N, C-alpha and C. Protein backbone atom coordinates (compact mmCIF):
# COMPACT_ATOMS: atom_id res chain seq x y z
N UNK A 1 -11.95 23.50 0.81
CA UNK A 1 -11.41 22.51 1.74
C UNK A 1 -10.01 22.98 2.15
N UNK A 2 -9.80 23.08 3.44
CA UNK A 2 -8.52 23.56 3.94
C UNK A 2 -7.47 22.45 3.89
N UNK A 3 -6.23 22.86 4.04
CA UNK A 3 -5.14 21.89 4.02
C UNK A 3 -5.24 20.96 5.22
N UNK A 4 -5.63 21.50 6.36
CA UNK A 4 -5.75 20.69 7.58
C UNK A 4 -6.84 19.62 7.42
N UNK A 5 -7.97 20.00 6.84
CA UNK A 5 -9.06 19.05 6.63
C UNK A 5 -8.66 17.98 5.61
N UNK A 6 -7.94 18.37 4.58
CA UNK A 6 -7.44 17.41 3.60
C UNK A 6 -6.50 16.41 4.25
N UNK A 7 -5.58 16.90 5.06
CA UNK A 7 -4.63 16.03 5.75
C UNK A 7 -5.36 15.06 6.67
N UNK A 8 -6.33 15.55 7.42
CA UNK A 8 -7.08 14.68 8.33
C UNK A 8 -7.90 13.64 7.58
N UNK A 9 -8.47 14.02 6.45
CA UNK A 9 -9.27 13.08 5.67
C UNK A 9 -8.42 11.94 5.14
N UNK A 10 -7.29 12.28 4.53
CA UNK A 10 -6.42 11.24 3.97
C UNK A 10 -5.82 10.38 5.08
N UNK A 11 -5.43 10.99 6.19
CA UNK A 11 -4.88 10.22 7.31
C UNK A 11 -5.92 9.27 7.90
N UNK A 12 -7.13 9.75 8.06
CA UNK A 12 -8.19 8.91 8.62
C UNK A 12 -8.50 7.73 7.70
N UNK A 13 -8.57 7.97 6.40
CA UNK A 13 -8.87 6.87 5.49
C UNK A 13 -7.72 5.87 5.45
N UNK A 14 -6.49 6.35 5.56
CA UNK A 14 -5.35 5.43 5.59
C UNK A 14 -5.36 4.58 6.87
N UNK A 15 -5.72 5.18 8.00
CA UNK A 15 -5.79 4.42 9.25
C UNK A 15 -6.93 3.41 9.24
N UNK A 16 -8.06 3.78 8.67
CA UNK A 16 -9.16 2.82 8.55
C UNK A 16 -8.75 1.67 7.62
N UNK A 17 -8.04 1.99 6.54
CA UNK A 17 -7.53 0.95 5.65
C UNK A 17 -6.53 0.04 6.36
N UNK A 18 -5.70 0.62 7.22
CA UNK A 18 -4.75 -0.16 8.01
C UNK A 18 -5.48 -1.15 8.89
N UNK A 19 -6.49 -0.69 9.60
CA UNK A 19 -7.25 -1.57 10.49
C UNK A 19 -7.97 -2.67 9.71
N UNK A 20 -8.62 -2.30 8.64
CA UNK A 20 -9.36 -3.28 7.87
C UNK A 20 -8.44 -4.28 7.18
N UNK A 21 -7.35 -3.80 6.62
CA UNK A 21 -6.40 -4.70 5.96
C UNK A 21 -5.70 -5.62 6.95
N UNK A 22 -5.35 -5.09 8.11
CA UNK A 22 -4.72 -5.92 9.13
C UNK A 22 -5.67 -6.98 9.66
N UNK A 23 -6.92 -6.61 9.86
CA UNK A 23 -7.91 -7.59 10.34
C UNK A 23 -8.16 -8.67 9.29
N UNK A 24 -8.26 -8.26 8.04
CA UNK A 24 -8.46 -9.23 6.97
C UNK A 24 -7.24 -10.15 6.83
N UNK A 25 -6.05 -9.58 6.91
CA UNK A 25 -4.84 -10.39 6.83
C UNK A 25 -4.72 -11.36 7.99
N UNK A 26 -5.07 -10.91 9.19
CA UNK A 26 -5.03 -11.78 10.36
C UNK A 26 -6.00 -12.95 10.20
N UNK A 27 -7.23 -12.64 9.76
CA UNK A 27 -8.21 -13.70 9.57
C UNK A 27 -7.79 -14.67 8.47
N UNK A 28 -7.25 -14.13 7.39
CA UNK A 28 -6.80 -15.00 6.30
C UNK A 28 -5.61 -15.86 6.73
N UNK A 29 -4.72 -15.29 7.52
CA UNK A 29 -3.57 -16.06 8.01
C UNK A 29 -3.97 -17.14 8.98
N UNK A 30 -5.00 -16.87 9.80
CA UNK A 30 -5.49 -17.88 10.74
C UNK A 30 -6.24 -19.00 10.02
N UNK A 31 -7.02 -18.64 9.00
CA UNK A 31 -7.82 -19.65 8.30
C UNK A 31 -6.99 -20.52 7.37
N UNK A 32 -6.03 -19.92 6.67
CA UNK A 32 -5.24 -20.68 5.69
C UNK A 32 -3.75 -20.40 5.87
N UNK A 33 -3.13 -20.92 6.93
CA UNK A 33 -1.71 -20.63 7.13
C UNK A 33 -0.81 -21.30 6.08
N UNK A 34 -1.22 -22.43 5.55
CA UNK A 34 -0.39 -23.11 4.55
C UNK A 34 -0.29 -22.31 3.25
N UNK A 35 -1.33 -21.56 2.94
CA UNK A 35 -1.30 -20.73 1.74
C UNK A 35 -0.22 -19.66 1.84
N UNK A 36 -0.06 -19.06 3.03
CA UNK A 36 0.90 -17.99 3.20
C UNK A 36 2.32 -18.51 3.41
N UNK A 37 2.48 -19.78 3.72
CA UNK A 37 3.83 -20.35 3.84
C UNK A 37 4.55 -20.35 2.51
N UNK A 38 3.79 -20.40 1.41
CA UNK A 38 4.41 -20.37 0.08
C UNK A 38 5.04 -19.01 -0.24
N UNK A 39 4.47 -17.94 0.31
CA UNK A 39 4.90 -16.59 -0.03
C UNK A 39 5.91 -15.99 0.93
N UNK A 40 6.12 -16.63 2.08
CA UNK A 40 7.05 -16.07 3.05
C UNK A 40 8.47 -16.25 2.57
N UNK A 41 9.26 -15.20 2.56
CA UNK A 41 10.63 -15.32 2.07
C UNK A 41 11.55 -16.10 3.02
N UNK A 42 11.21 -16.13 4.31
CA UNK A 42 12.01 -16.88 5.27
C UNK A 42 11.14 -17.94 5.92
N UNK A 43 11.70 -19.10 6.18
CA UNK A 43 10.91 -20.19 6.73
C UNK A 43 10.54 -19.97 8.19
N UNK A 44 11.34 -19.22 8.93
CA UNK A 44 11.04 -19.03 10.34
C UNK A 44 10.01 -17.93 10.59
N UNK A 45 9.53 -17.27 9.55
CA UNK A 45 8.52 -16.22 9.68
C UNK A 45 7.14 -16.85 9.81
N UNK A 46 6.37 -16.37 10.78
CA UNK A 46 5.04 -16.93 11.02
C UNK A 46 4.07 -16.47 9.93
N UNK A 47 3.30 -17.38 9.35
CA UNK A 47 2.39 -16.99 8.26
C UNK A 47 1.30 -16.01 8.68
N UNK A 48 0.84 -16.10 9.93
CA UNK A 48 -0.21 -15.17 10.39
C UNK A 48 0.35 -13.75 10.47
N UNK A 49 1.56 -13.62 10.99
CA UNK A 49 2.19 -12.30 11.06
C UNK A 49 2.48 -11.73 9.69
N UNK A 50 2.92 -12.58 8.78
CA UNK A 50 3.19 -12.13 7.41
C UNK A 50 1.91 -11.66 6.74
N UNK A 51 0.81 -12.40 6.92
CA UNK A 51 -0.46 -12.03 6.31
C UNK A 51 -1.01 -10.75 6.94
N UNK A 52 -0.85 -10.60 8.25
CA UNK A 52 -1.33 -9.40 8.92
C UNK A 52 -0.56 -8.17 8.47
N UNK A 53 0.76 -8.28 8.41
CA UNK A 53 1.59 -7.14 7.98
C UNK A 53 1.32 -6.79 6.52
N UNK A 54 1.21 -7.81 5.68
CA UNK A 54 0.92 -7.55 4.27
C UNK A 54 -0.44 -6.90 4.08
N UNK A 55 -1.43 -7.38 4.80
CA UNK A 55 -2.77 -6.78 4.72
C UNK A 55 -2.78 -5.35 5.21
N UNK A 56 -2.03 -5.06 6.27
CA UNK A 56 -1.98 -3.71 6.81
C UNK A 56 -1.30 -2.75 5.83
N UNK A 57 -0.22 -3.18 5.22
CA UNK A 57 0.49 -2.32 4.25
C UNK A 57 -0.40 -2.02 3.06
N UNK A 58 -1.02 -3.05 2.51
CA UNK A 58 -1.90 -2.83 1.36
C UNK A 58 -3.11 -2.00 1.76
N UNK A 59 -3.61 -2.19 2.97
CA UNK A 59 -4.74 -1.39 3.45
C UNK A 59 -4.40 0.09 3.56
N UNK A 60 -3.19 0.40 4.02
CA UNK A 60 -2.77 1.81 4.10
C UNK A 60 -2.69 2.41 2.70
N UNK A 61 -2.11 1.67 1.77
CA UNK A 61 -1.98 2.19 0.41
C UNK A 61 -3.34 2.41 -0.24
N UNK A 62 -4.21 1.42 -0.13
CA UNK A 62 -5.53 1.56 -0.75
C UNK A 62 -6.41 2.57 -0.02
N UNK A 63 -6.36 2.59 1.30
CA UNK A 63 -7.15 3.57 2.05
C UNK A 63 -6.69 4.99 1.80
N UNK A 64 -5.38 5.21 1.79
CA UNK A 64 -4.86 6.54 1.49
C UNK A 64 -5.18 6.96 0.07
N UNK A 65 -5.09 6.03 -0.85
CA UNK A 65 -5.45 6.33 -2.24
C UNK A 65 -6.92 6.68 -2.39
N UNK A 66 -7.77 5.96 -1.65
CA UNK A 66 -9.19 6.28 -1.70
C UNK A 66 -9.47 7.65 -1.09
N UNK A 67 -8.75 7.99 -0.02
CA UNK A 67 -8.91 9.32 0.57
C UNK A 67 -8.47 10.41 -0.39
N UNK A 68 -7.36 10.20 -1.08
CA UNK A 68 -6.89 11.19 -2.07
C UNK A 68 -7.89 11.33 -3.21
N UNK A 69 -8.47 10.22 -3.63
CA UNK A 69 -9.48 10.26 -4.68
C UNK A 69 -10.70 11.04 -4.22
N UNK A 70 -11.12 10.83 -2.98
CA UNK A 70 -12.25 11.57 -2.43
C UNK A 70 -11.99 13.06 -2.36
N UNK A 71 -10.79 13.44 -1.95
CA UNK A 71 -10.42 14.85 -1.90
C UNK A 71 -10.41 15.45 -3.30
N UNK A 72 -9.91 14.70 -4.27
CA UNK A 72 -9.89 15.17 -5.65
C UNK A 72 -11.30 15.37 -6.18
N UNK A 73 -12.19 14.43 -5.90
CA UNK A 73 -13.58 14.58 -6.34
C UNK A 73 -14.26 15.78 -5.67
N UNK A 74 -13.95 16.00 -4.39
CA UNK A 74 -14.50 17.17 -3.68
C UNK A 74 -14.00 18.46 -4.32
N UNK A 75 -12.72 18.52 -4.64
CA UNK A 75 -12.17 19.72 -5.28
C UNK A 75 -12.79 19.96 -6.66
N UNK A 76 -12.98 18.89 -7.41
CA UNK A 76 -13.58 19.04 -8.73
C UNK A 76 -15.04 19.50 -8.64
N UNK A 77 -15.78 18.96 -7.67
CA UNK A 77 -17.17 19.40 -7.56
C UNK A 77 -17.27 20.86 -7.10
N UNK A 78 -16.39 21.30 -6.23
CA UNK A 78 -16.38 22.70 -5.82
C UNK A 78 -15.94 23.61 -6.96
N UNK A 79 -15.01 23.15 -7.76
CA UNK A 79 -14.54 23.94 -8.88
C UNK A 79 -15.63 24.11 -9.93
N UNK A 80 -16.41 23.07 -10.16
CA UNK A 80 -17.49 23.14 -11.15
C UNK A 80 -18.66 24.00 -10.67
N UNK A 81 -18.85 24.14 -9.36
CA UNK A 81 -19.95 24.95 -8.81
C UNK A 81 -19.71 26.44 -9.02
N UNK A 82 -18.46 26.84 -8.93
CA UNK A 82 -18.13 28.27 -9.04
C UNK A 82 -18.38 28.76 -10.47
N UNK A 83 -18.97 29.96 -10.61
CA UNK A 83 -19.25 30.48 -11.96
C UNK A 83 -18.03 30.99 -12.68
């Protein structure tokens, strides 16, 4: 696996995580805005925006981590194949 392919794999998984986390955060903020009002550090911050941003950040972290794990598993399987 080349460096370029590794970079693209991890970037793509992080972007997919961003989209999925942001969509989940937006939906959660729309459905239960009172729940997110408890966690907002400032009162003038909109709960839907806070939930969307939080979901996107966590999605990037988890998606990128999953991509790194996939690359690691690919490297291990290629390493074990070689005699």
